[in-house]
N, C-alpha and C. Protein backbone atom coordinates (compact mmCIF):
# COMPACT_ATOMS: atom_id res chain seq x y z
N MET A 1 -45.65 41.96 -132.73
CA MET A 1 -46.11 40.65 -132.33
C MET A 1 -45.90 40.52 -130.83
N LYS A 2 -46.88 40.00 -130.15
CA LYS A 2 -46.76 39.82 -128.70
C LYS A 2 -45.81 38.67 -128.40
N ARG A 3 -45.12 38.80 -127.28
CA ARG A 3 -44.09 37.84 -126.89
C ARG A 3 -44.57 36.39 -126.85
N PRO A 4 -45.73 36.08 -126.22
CA PRO A 4 -46.19 34.68 -126.20
C PRO A 4 -46.47 34.13 -127.61
N VAL A 5 -46.99 34.98 -128.48
CA VAL A 5 -47.26 34.55 -129.86
C VAL A 5 -45.94 34.27 -130.58
N LEU A 6 -44.98 35.14 -130.37
CA LEU A 6 -43.66 34.97 -130.98
C LEU A 6 -42.99 33.68 -130.51
N ILE A 7 -43.04 33.42 -129.22
CA ILE A 7 -42.46 32.19 -128.68
C ILE A 7 -43.21 30.98 -129.24
N GLY A 8 -44.54 31.07 -129.31
CA GLY A 8 -45.33 29.98 -129.88
C GLY A 8 -44.98 29.71 -131.33
N TYR A 9 -44.81 30.77 -132.11
CA TYR A 9 -44.41 30.63 -133.52
C TYR A 9 -43.07 29.93 -133.61
N GLN A 10 -42.11 30.37 -132.80
CA GLN A 10 -40.78 29.77 -132.81
C GLN A 10 -40.84 28.28 -132.43
N LEU A 11 -41.63 27.97 -131.42
CA LEU A 11 -41.75 26.56 -130.99
C LEU A 11 -42.44 25.71 -132.05
N LEU A 12 -43.47 26.24 -132.68
CA LEU A 12 -44.20 25.49 -133.71
C LEU A 12 -43.30 25.16 -134.90
N ILE A 13 -42.64 26.18 -135.44
CA ILE A 13 -41.79 25.91 -136.60
C ILE A 13 -40.54 25.14 -136.19
N GLY A 14 -40.07 25.37 -134.99
CA GLY A 14 -38.92 24.61 -134.49
C GLY A 14 -39.24 23.14 -134.39
N PHE A 15 -40.39 22.83 -133.81
CA PHE A 15 -40.81 21.44 -133.67
C PHE A 15 -41.01 20.79 -135.05
N SER A 16 -41.70 21.50 -135.93
CA SER A 16 -41.99 20.98 -137.26
C SER A 16 -40.70 20.65 -138.02
N ASP A 17 -39.78 21.59 -138.06
CA ASP A 17 -38.54 21.37 -138.82
C ASP A 17 -37.61 20.37 -138.14
N THR A 18 -37.54 20.41 -136.81
CA THR A 18 -36.68 19.47 -136.11
C THR A 18 -37.17 18.04 -136.31
N MET A 19 -38.47 17.82 -136.19
CA MET A 19 -39.01 16.47 -136.37
C MET A 19 -38.88 16.01 -137.83
N THR A 20 -39.18 16.91 -138.76
CA THR A 20 -39.06 16.56 -140.18
C THR A 20 -37.61 16.23 -140.51
N GLY A 21 -36.69 17.06 -140.05
CA GLY A 21 -35.28 16.81 -140.32
C GLY A 21 -34.80 15.51 -139.73
N ALA A 22 -35.18 15.25 -138.48
CA ALA A 22 -34.77 14.00 -137.83
C ALA A 22 -35.34 12.79 -138.57
N LEU A 23 -36.61 12.87 -138.98
CA LEU A 23 -37.20 11.76 -139.72
C LEU A 23 -36.54 11.57 -141.09
N LEU A 24 -36.20 12.67 -141.75
CA LEU A 24 -35.52 12.55 -143.04
C LEU A 24 -34.15 11.89 -142.88
N ILE A 25 -33.50 12.15 -141.76
CA ILE A 25 -32.19 11.54 -141.51
C ILE A 25 -32.35 10.05 -141.21
N ILE A 26 -33.26 9.73 -140.31
CA ILE A 26 -33.39 8.37 -139.79
C ILE A 26 -34.22 7.47 -140.71
N ALA A 27 -35.33 7.99 -141.21
CA ALA A 27 -36.26 7.17 -142.01
C ALA A 27 -36.84 8.03 -143.14
N PRO A 28 -36.04 8.32 -144.16
CA PRO A 28 -36.50 9.24 -145.21
C PRO A 28 -37.74 8.78 -145.96
N GLU A 29 -37.83 7.48 -146.22
CA GLU A 29 -39.00 6.97 -146.94
C GLU A 29 -40.27 7.16 -146.11
N PHE A 30 -40.18 6.90 -144.81
CA PHE A 30 -41.32 7.10 -143.91
C PHE A 30 -41.70 8.58 -143.83
N ALA A 31 -40.69 9.45 -143.74
CA ALA A 31 -40.96 10.90 -143.68
C ALA A 31 -41.71 11.36 -144.92
N LEU A 32 -41.26 10.89 -146.08
CA LEU A 32 -41.94 11.27 -147.32
C LEU A 32 -43.37 10.72 -147.36
N ARG A 33 -43.55 9.51 -146.88
CA ARG A 33 -44.89 8.92 -146.85
C ARG A 33 -45.83 9.77 -146.00
N LEU A 34 -45.33 10.25 -144.84
CA LEU A 34 -46.15 11.11 -143.98
C LEU A 34 -46.52 12.42 -144.70
N MET A 35 -45.62 12.88 -145.55
CA MET A 35 -45.86 14.12 -146.30
C MET A 35 -46.63 13.86 -147.60
N ARG A 36 -46.94 12.55 -147.84
CA ARG A 36 -47.63 12.12 -149.06
C ARG A 36 -46.82 12.46 -150.32
N LEU A 37 -45.51 12.26 -150.22
CA LEU A 37 -44.60 12.51 -151.33
C LEU A 37 -43.86 11.23 -151.67
N HIS A 38 -43.25 11.23 -152.83
CA HIS A 38 -42.51 10.06 -153.30
C HIS A 38 -41.15 10.50 -153.83
N ALA A 39 -40.19 9.60 -153.72
CA ALA A 39 -38.87 9.82 -154.29
C ALA A 39 -38.30 8.46 -154.67
N PRO A 40 -37.45 8.44 -155.67
CA PRO A 40 -36.81 7.18 -156.03
C PRO A 40 -35.96 6.65 -154.87
N VAL A 41 -35.88 5.35 -154.75
CA VAL A 41 -35.14 4.72 -153.65
C VAL A 41 -33.69 5.19 -153.64
N ASP A 42 -33.09 5.37 -154.82
CA ASP A 42 -31.69 5.79 -154.84
C ASP A 42 -31.50 7.24 -154.40
N ALA A 43 -32.59 8.00 -154.25
CA ALA A 43 -32.50 9.38 -153.78
C ALA A 43 -32.56 9.48 -152.25
N LEU A 44 -32.94 8.40 -151.59
CA LEU A 44 -33.15 8.45 -150.14
C LEU A 44 -31.90 8.87 -149.35
N PRO A 45 -30.69 8.42 -149.70
CA PRO A 45 -29.52 8.91 -148.95
C PRO A 45 -29.35 10.43 -149.06
N PHE A 46 -29.69 10.98 -150.21
CA PHE A 46 -29.59 12.43 -150.38
C PHE A 46 -30.65 13.16 -149.57
N LEU A 47 -31.82 12.55 -149.44
CA LEU A 47 -32.87 13.13 -148.60
C LEU A 47 -32.44 13.13 -147.14
N SER A 48 -31.71 12.11 -146.72
CA SER A 48 -31.18 12.11 -145.36
C SER A 48 -30.19 13.25 -145.16
N PHE A 49 -29.38 13.50 -146.16
CA PHE A 49 -28.43 14.61 -146.12
C PHE A 49 -29.18 15.94 -146.01
N ILE A 50 -30.23 16.10 -146.80
CA ILE A 50 -31.06 17.31 -146.73
C ILE A 50 -31.72 17.42 -145.36
N GLY A 51 -32.05 16.28 -144.77
CA GLY A 51 -32.64 16.28 -143.43
C GLY A 51 -31.76 16.96 -142.41
N ALA A 52 -30.45 16.85 -142.57
CA ALA A 52 -29.53 17.52 -141.64
C ALA A 52 -29.71 19.03 -141.70
N PHE A 53 -29.94 19.56 -142.88
CA PHE A 53 -30.17 21.00 -143.02
C PHE A 53 -31.53 21.40 -142.44
N VAL A 54 -32.54 20.60 -142.69
CA VAL A 54 -33.88 20.87 -142.14
C VAL A 54 -33.81 20.84 -140.61
N LEU A 55 -33.11 19.86 -140.08
CA LEU A 55 -32.93 19.75 -138.63
C LEU A 55 -32.23 21.00 -138.08
N SER A 56 -31.24 21.49 -138.77
CA SER A 56 -30.51 22.67 -138.28
C SER A 56 -31.40 23.91 -138.26
N VAL A 57 -32.29 24.04 -139.23
CA VAL A 57 -33.24 25.16 -139.23
C VAL A 57 -34.18 25.04 -138.04
N GLY A 58 -34.66 23.83 -137.78
CA GLY A 58 -35.55 23.60 -136.63
C GLY A 58 -34.88 23.92 -135.31
N LEU A 59 -33.65 23.47 -135.15
CA LEU A 59 -32.91 23.76 -133.91
C LEU A 59 -32.64 25.25 -133.77
N SER A 60 -32.41 25.93 -134.88
CA SER A 60 -32.23 27.38 -134.84
C SER A 60 -33.50 28.07 -134.35
N CYS A 61 -34.64 27.56 -134.77
CA CYS A 61 -35.91 28.13 -134.32
C CYS A 61 -36.13 27.89 -132.83
N PHE A 62 -35.75 26.71 -132.36
CA PHE A 62 -35.82 26.45 -130.92
C PHE A 62 -34.91 27.41 -130.15
N TYR A 63 -33.75 27.67 -130.69
CA TYR A 63 -32.84 28.64 -130.06
C TYR A 63 -33.51 30.01 -130.00
N GLY A 64 -34.20 30.40 -131.06
CA GLY A 64 -34.91 31.67 -131.06
C GLY A 64 -35.98 31.73 -129.99
N ALA A 65 -36.70 30.63 -129.79
CA ALA A 65 -37.71 30.58 -128.72
C ALA A 65 -37.04 30.71 -127.36
N TRP A 66 -35.92 30.05 -127.18
CA TRP A 66 -35.18 30.11 -125.91
C TRP A 66 -34.70 31.54 -125.64
N VAL A 67 -34.22 32.22 -126.66
CA VAL A 67 -33.76 33.61 -126.50
C VAL A 67 -34.91 34.48 -126.03
N MET A 68 -36.08 34.33 -126.65
CA MET A 68 -37.21 35.16 -126.27
C MET A 68 -37.76 34.78 -124.90
N ALA A 69 -37.76 33.50 -124.57
CA ALA A 69 -38.28 33.06 -123.28
C ALA A 69 -37.45 33.60 -122.13
N ARG A 70 -36.16 33.74 -122.33
CA ARG A 70 -35.31 34.26 -121.26
C ARG A 70 -35.06 35.77 -121.40
N ARG A 71 -35.88 36.38 -122.25
CA ARG A 71 -35.80 37.84 -122.49
C ARG A 71 -34.39 38.25 -122.91
N GLY A 72 -33.83 37.43 -123.80
CA GLY A 72 -32.50 37.74 -124.34
C GLY A 72 -32.58 38.85 -125.37
N SER A 73 -31.47 39.13 -125.96
CA SER A 73 -31.36 40.19 -126.95
C SER A 73 -32.20 39.89 -128.19
N PRO A 74 -33.08 40.81 -128.58
CA PRO A 74 -33.85 40.59 -129.81
C PRO A 74 -32.93 40.56 -131.03
N CYS A 75 -31.74 41.12 -130.92
CA CYS A 75 -30.79 41.08 -132.04
C CYS A 75 -30.43 39.64 -132.40
N LYS A 76 -30.32 38.79 -131.39
CA LYS A 76 -30.01 37.38 -131.64
C LYS A 76 -31.13 36.72 -132.44
N LEU A 77 -32.37 37.00 -132.07
CA LEU A 77 -33.49 36.41 -132.79
C LEU A 77 -33.60 37.00 -134.20
N GLU A 78 -33.25 38.27 -134.35
CA GLU A 78 -33.25 38.87 -135.69
C GLU A 78 -32.29 38.12 -136.62
N VAL A 79 -31.14 37.73 -136.10
CA VAL A 79 -30.18 36.96 -136.91
C VAL A 79 -30.78 35.59 -137.26
N VAL A 80 -31.41 34.94 -136.29
CA VAL A 80 -32.05 33.65 -136.55
C VAL A 80 -33.11 33.83 -137.65
N TRP A 81 -33.94 34.84 -137.52
CA TRP A 81 -35.00 35.06 -138.51
C TRP A 81 -34.41 35.35 -139.88
N LEU A 82 -33.38 36.17 -139.95
CA LEU A 82 -32.79 36.51 -141.24
C LEU A 82 -32.20 35.27 -141.91
N LEU A 83 -31.40 34.51 -141.16
CA LEU A 83 -30.73 33.36 -141.75
C LEU A 83 -31.70 32.23 -142.10
N THR A 84 -32.67 31.98 -141.24
CA THR A 84 -33.64 30.93 -141.57
C THR A 84 -34.54 31.37 -142.73
N ALA A 85 -34.83 32.67 -142.83
CA ALA A 85 -35.63 33.16 -143.95
C ALA A 85 -34.86 33.01 -145.27
N ILE A 86 -33.57 33.28 -145.24
CA ILE A 86 -32.76 33.09 -146.45
C ILE A 86 -32.78 31.61 -146.87
N THR A 87 -32.61 30.73 -145.91
CA THR A 87 -32.63 29.29 -146.20
C THR A 87 -33.99 28.88 -146.74
N ARG A 88 -35.05 29.31 -146.07
CA ARG A 88 -36.40 28.93 -146.49
C ARG A 88 -36.74 29.51 -147.87
N ALA A 89 -36.33 30.73 -148.14
CA ALA A 89 -36.59 31.34 -149.45
C ALA A 89 -35.87 30.55 -150.54
N SER A 90 -34.65 30.15 -150.27
CA SER A 90 -33.90 29.35 -151.24
C SER A 90 -34.61 28.03 -151.53
N VAL A 91 -35.09 27.39 -150.48
CA VAL A 91 -35.81 26.12 -150.64
C VAL A 91 -37.09 26.35 -151.44
N ALA A 92 -37.86 27.37 -151.09
CA ALA A 92 -39.13 27.63 -151.78
C ALA A 92 -38.90 27.89 -153.27
N VAL A 93 -37.92 28.71 -153.60
CA VAL A 93 -37.62 29.01 -155.01
C VAL A 93 -37.17 27.74 -155.74
N PHE A 94 -36.28 26.97 -155.11
CA PHE A 94 -35.81 25.75 -155.73
C PHE A 94 -36.95 24.78 -155.99
N VAL A 95 -37.79 24.55 -154.98
CA VAL A 95 -38.89 23.59 -155.12
C VAL A 95 -39.85 24.03 -156.22
N VAL A 96 -40.21 25.30 -156.24
CA VAL A 96 -41.14 25.78 -157.27
C VAL A 96 -40.53 25.61 -158.66
N THR A 97 -39.26 25.95 -158.83
CA THR A 97 -38.64 25.79 -160.16
C THR A 97 -38.58 24.32 -160.57
N GLN A 98 -38.35 23.42 -159.61
CA GLN A 98 -38.30 22.00 -159.93
C GLN A 98 -39.68 21.44 -160.24
N ILE A 99 -40.72 21.96 -159.61
CA ILE A 99 -42.09 21.56 -159.94
C ILE A 99 -42.43 22.02 -161.36
N LEU A 100 -42.06 23.26 -161.66
CA LEU A 100 -42.32 23.79 -163.00
C LEU A 100 -41.54 23.04 -164.08
N ALA A 101 -40.37 22.54 -163.72
CA ALA A 101 -39.55 21.76 -164.65
C ALA A 101 -39.96 20.30 -164.69
N HIS A 102 -40.96 19.93 -163.90
CA HIS A 102 -41.49 18.56 -163.82
C HIS A 102 -40.48 17.55 -163.28
N THR A 103 -39.54 18.01 -162.47
CA THR A 103 -38.61 17.07 -161.83
C THR A 103 -39.04 16.73 -160.40
N LEU A 104 -39.95 17.51 -159.86
CA LEU A 104 -40.58 17.19 -158.57
C LEU A 104 -42.09 17.17 -158.78
N GLU A 105 -42.76 16.28 -158.07
CA GLU A 105 -44.22 16.20 -158.18
C GLU A 105 -44.86 17.41 -157.51
N ALA A 106 -46.09 17.70 -157.92
CA ALA A 106 -46.81 18.88 -157.43
C ALA A 106 -47.01 18.86 -155.92
N GLY A 107 -46.99 17.69 -155.29
CA GLY A 107 -47.15 17.60 -153.85
C GLY A 107 -46.08 18.36 -153.07
N TRP A 108 -44.93 18.54 -153.69
CA TRP A 108 -43.84 19.29 -153.04
C TRP A 108 -44.20 20.77 -152.87
N LEU A 109 -45.26 21.21 -153.53
CA LEU A 109 -45.70 22.60 -153.38
C LEU A 109 -46.02 22.93 -151.92
N SER A 110 -46.43 21.93 -151.14
CA SER A 110 -46.71 22.17 -149.71
C SER A 110 -45.43 22.60 -148.98
N VAL A 111 -44.29 22.07 -149.38
CA VAL A 111 -43.01 22.48 -148.79
C VAL A 111 -42.71 23.92 -149.15
N ALA A 112 -42.88 24.26 -150.43
CA ALA A 112 -42.62 25.63 -150.89
C ALA A 112 -43.58 26.62 -150.22
N ALA A 113 -44.83 26.23 -150.07
CA ALA A 113 -45.82 27.12 -149.46
C ALA A 113 -45.53 27.36 -147.98
N THR A 114 -45.16 26.30 -147.27
CA THR A 114 -44.84 26.43 -145.85
C THR A 114 -43.61 27.31 -145.66
N ASP A 115 -42.57 27.02 -146.42
CA ASP A 115 -41.36 27.85 -146.31
C ASP A 115 -41.62 29.29 -146.74
N GLY A 116 -42.39 29.45 -147.80
CA GLY A 116 -42.72 30.80 -148.27
C GLY A 116 -43.52 31.58 -147.24
N ALA A 117 -44.45 30.92 -146.56
CA ALA A 117 -45.23 31.60 -145.53
C ALA A 117 -44.33 32.05 -144.38
N CYS A 118 -43.40 31.19 -143.97
CA CYS A 118 -42.46 31.57 -142.90
C CYS A 118 -41.59 32.74 -143.33
N VAL A 119 -41.14 32.73 -144.58
CA VAL A 119 -40.33 33.84 -145.10
C VAL A 119 -41.13 35.13 -145.04
N LEU A 120 -42.37 35.07 -145.46
CA LEU A 120 -43.23 36.26 -145.45
C LEU A 120 -43.44 36.79 -144.04
N ILE A 121 -43.77 35.91 -143.12
CA ILE A 121 -43.97 36.31 -141.72
C ILE A 121 -42.70 36.95 -141.16
N GLN A 122 -41.58 36.30 -141.39
CA GLN A 122 -40.32 36.79 -140.82
C GLN A 122 -39.86 38.08 -141.50
N ALA A 123 -40.06 38.20 -142.80
CA ALA A 123 -39.68 39.43 -143.50
C ALA A 123 -40.52 40.61 -143.00
N ILE A 124 -41.82 40.40 -142.86
CA ILE A 124 -42.69 41.46 -142.34
C ILE A 124 -42.30 41.80 -140.91
N GLY A 125 -42.08 40.76 -140.09
CA GLY A 125 -41.70 40.99 -138.70
C GLY A 125 -40.40 41.75 -138.55
N LEU A 126 -39.42 41.41 -139.37
CA LEU A 126 -38.14 42.13 -139.31
C LEU A 126 -38.32 43.58 -139.75
N ARG A 127 -39.09 43.77 -140.79
CA ARG A 127 -39.31 45.13 -141.31
C ARG A 127 -40.07 46.01 -140.31
N LYS A 128 -41.04 45.42 -139.60
CA LYS A 128 -41.87 46.18 -138.67
C LYS A 128 -41.34 46.20 -137.24
N GLY A 129 -40.23 45.54 -136.99
CA GLY A 129 -39.63 45.58 -135.65
C GLY A 129 -40.36 44.77 -134.61
N TRP A 130 -41.03 43.69 -135.01
CA TRP A 130 -41.79 42.87 -134.06
C TRP A 130 -40.93 42.32 -132.94
N LEU A 131 -39.71 41.95 -133.27
CA LEU A 131 -38.86 41.29 -132.28
C LEU A 131 -38.44 42.25 -131.18
N GLY A 132 -38.09 43.46 -131.53
CA GLY A 132 -37.73 44.46 -130.53
C GLY A 132 -38.91 44.81 -129.64
N ASN A 133 -40.10 44.90 -130.24
CA ASN A 133 -41.31 45.21 -129.47
C ASN A 133 -41.66 44.07 -128.50
N ALA A 134 -41.46 42.82 -128.94
CA ALA A 134 -41.80 41.67 -128.09
C ALA A 134 -40.84 41.53 -126.92
N ALA A 135 -39.64 42.04 -127.06
CA ALA A 135 -38.65 41.92 -125.99
C ALA A 135 -38.94 42.87 -124.83
N ARG A 136 -39.74 43.86 -125.06
CA ARG A 136 -40.02 44.85 -124.00
C ARG A 136 -40.99 44.35 -122.98
């Protein structure tokens, strides 16, 4: 992957997760409305708690963009990719199982698909050495 594309990817997912996480913390009902999802009112405090984790993934992605922009060690970005991929894979599996169990509405599939796509991109990139190549 070319360096500008890699930085763009990091900024895009960083922005998406940071904004989503912040909105889930501050205004969970509004965040869900933007995503066209629904949750019971008594679940909103827990969604704010989950927002803290989403925010942390977004900030980690911004850190990855910063590492690449300053031509830092690709090893640092590899750690970011590995850990955020583990988190995203866990979320995707959980969401899909909850949709299949009918405890989450089908609209949550967009969350699983987005996280799953990032996992796939990052797994392929780690396997093919994209980060080391982009650092050169």
